[in-house]
């Protein structure tokens, strides 16, 4: 499942046009889809449920 798609020729992350994000935050810009991350997390949790793993993920916050 991937929540990045082109709509009317513009790349969107979920419902947000990526060009607007780049305009606001500048480039280079790394964009993550929360919906995609949560979907894949649930798949991993299900696949490894028997092992009861601790699953961690981090991103570096941006400087403001």
C-alpha atoms as a PDB file:
ATOM      1  CA  UNK A   1       0.000   0.000   0.000  1.00  0.00           C
ATOM      2  CA  UNK A   2       1.425   3.333  -1.025  1.00  0.00           C
ATOM      3  CA  UNK A   3      -0.245   6.657  -0.307  1.00  0.00           C
ATOM      4  CA  UNK A   4       1.738   8.588  -2.918  1.00  0.00           C
ATOM      5  CA  UNK A   5      -0.050   9.134  -6.209  1.00  0.00           C
ATOM      6  CA  UNK A   6      -0.302  11.534  -9.111  1.00  0.00           C
ATOM      7  CA  UNK A   7      -3.520  13.531  -9.397  1.00  0.00           C
ATOM      8  CA  UNK A   8      -3.902  15.844 -12.350  1.00  0.00           C
ATOM      9  CA  UNK A   9      -0.173  15.557 -13.025  1.00  0.00           C
ATOM     10  CA  UNK A  10       0.800  16.601  -9.474  1.00  0.00           C
ATOM     11  CA  UNK A  11       2.372  14.214  -6.968  1.00  0.00           C
ATOM     12  CA  UNK A  12       0.403  13.928  -3.718  1.00  0.00           C
ATOM     13  CA  UNK A  13       1.306  12.386  -0.384  1.00  0.00           C
ATOM     14  CA  UNK A  14      -2.031  11.254   0.981  1.00  0.00           C
ATOM     15  CA  UNK A  15      -4.147  14.392   0.295  1.00  0.00           C
ATOM     16  CA  UNK A  16      -1.305  16.947   0.227  1.00  0.00           C
ATOM     17  CA  UNK A  17       0.340  18.119  -3.003  1.00  0.00           C
ATOM     18  CA  UNK A  18       4.081  17.551  -2.586  1.00  0.00           C
ATOM     19  CA  UNK A  19       4.836  20.766  -4.514  1.00  0.00           C
ATOM     20  CA  UNK A  20       3.057  22.771  -1.796  1.00  0.00           C
ATOM     21  CA  UNK A  21       5.164  21.077   0.879  1.00  0.00           C
ATOM     22  CA  UNK A  22       8.345  21.880  -1.056  1.00  0.00           C
ATOM     23  CA  UNK A  23       7.217  25.479  -1.495  1.00  0.00           C
ATOM     24  CA  UNK A  24       6.562  25.842   2.218  1.00  0.00           C
ATOM     25  CA  UNK A  25       9.541  23.901   3.628  1.00  0.00           C
ATOM     26  CA  UNK A  26      12.079  24.186   0.802  1.00  0.00           C
ATOM     27  CA  UNK A  27      14.172  21.467  -0.747  1.00  0.00           C
ATOM     28  CA  UNK A  28      15.624  18.969  -0.377  1.00  0.00           C
ATOM     29  CA  UNK A  29      12.579  17.625   1.416  1.00  0.00           C
ATOM     30  CA  UNK A  30      11.834  14.158   2.745  1.00  0.00           C
ATOM     31  CA  UNK A  31       8.115  13.371   2.898  1.00  0.00           C
ATOM     32  CA  UNK A  32       6.680  10.427   4.811  1.00  0.00           C
ATOM     33  CA  UNK A  33       3.150   9.067   4.603  1.00  0.00           C
ATOM     34  CA  UNK A  34       1.791   8.249   8.052  1.00  0.00           C
ATOM     35  CA  UNK A  35      -0.844   5.983   6.492  1.00  0.00           C
ATOM     36  CA  UNK A  36       1.829   3.972   4.631  1.00  0.00           C
ATOM     37  CA  UNK A  37       4.024   3.659   7.733  1.00  0.00           C
ATOM     38  CA  UNK A  38       1.091   2.515   9.894  1.00  0.00           C
ATOM     39  CA  UNK A  39      -0.037   0.017   7.236  1.00  0.00           C
ATOM     40  CA  UNK A  40       3.416  -1.581   7.046  1.00  0.00           C
ATOM     41  CA  UNK A  41       3.801  -1.539  10.837  1.00  0.00           C
ATOM     42  CA  UNK A  42       0.562  -3.528  11.186  1.00  0.00           C
ATOM     43  CA  UNK A  43       1.809  -6.049   8.614  1.00  0.00           C
ATOM     44  CA  UNK A  44       5.065  -6.527  10.530  1.00  0.00           C
ATOM     45  CA  UNK A  45       3.251  -6.779  13.879  1.00  0.00           C
ATOM     46  CA  UNK A  46       0.967  -9.463  12.453  1.00  0.00           C
ATOM     47  CA  UNK A  47       3.772 -11.421  10.782  1.00  0.00           C
ATOM     48  CA  UNK A  48       5.949 -11.458  13.922  1.00  0.00           C
ATOM     49  CA  UNK A  49       3.222 -11.502  16.596  1.00  0.00           C
ATOM     50  CA  UNK A  50       4.373 -14.855  17.947  1.00  0.00           C
ATOM     51  CA  UNK A  51       7.830 -13.414  18.719  1.00  0.00           C
ATOM     52  CA  UNK A  52       6.398 -10.297  20.477  1.00  0.00           C
ATOM     53  CA  UNK A  53       9.017  -7.972  18.974  1.00  0.00           C
ATOM     54  CA  UNK A  54       9.671  -4.396  19.981  1.00  0.00           C
ATOM     55  CA  UNK A  55       9.406  -2.410  16.748  1.00  0.00           C
ATOM     56  CA  UNK A  56      10.998   1.044  16.679  1.00  0.00           C
ATOM     57  CA  UNK A  57      11.162   3.747  14.034  1.00  0.00           C
ATOM     58  CA  UNK A  58      12.589   7.214  14.181  1.00  0.00           C
ATOM     59  CA  UNK A  59      13.002  10.253  11.985  1.00  0.00           C
ATOM     60  CA  UNK A  60      15.233  13.204  12.485  1.00  0.00           C
ATOM     61  CA  UNK A  61      13.264  16.351  13.267  1.00  0.00           C
ATOM     62  CA  UNK A  62      13.910  19.351  11.076  1.00  0.00           C
ATOM     63  CA  UNK A  63      15.540  22.496  12.331  1.00  0.00           C
ATOM     64  CA  UNK A  64      13.143  25.404  12.519  1.00  0.00           C
END
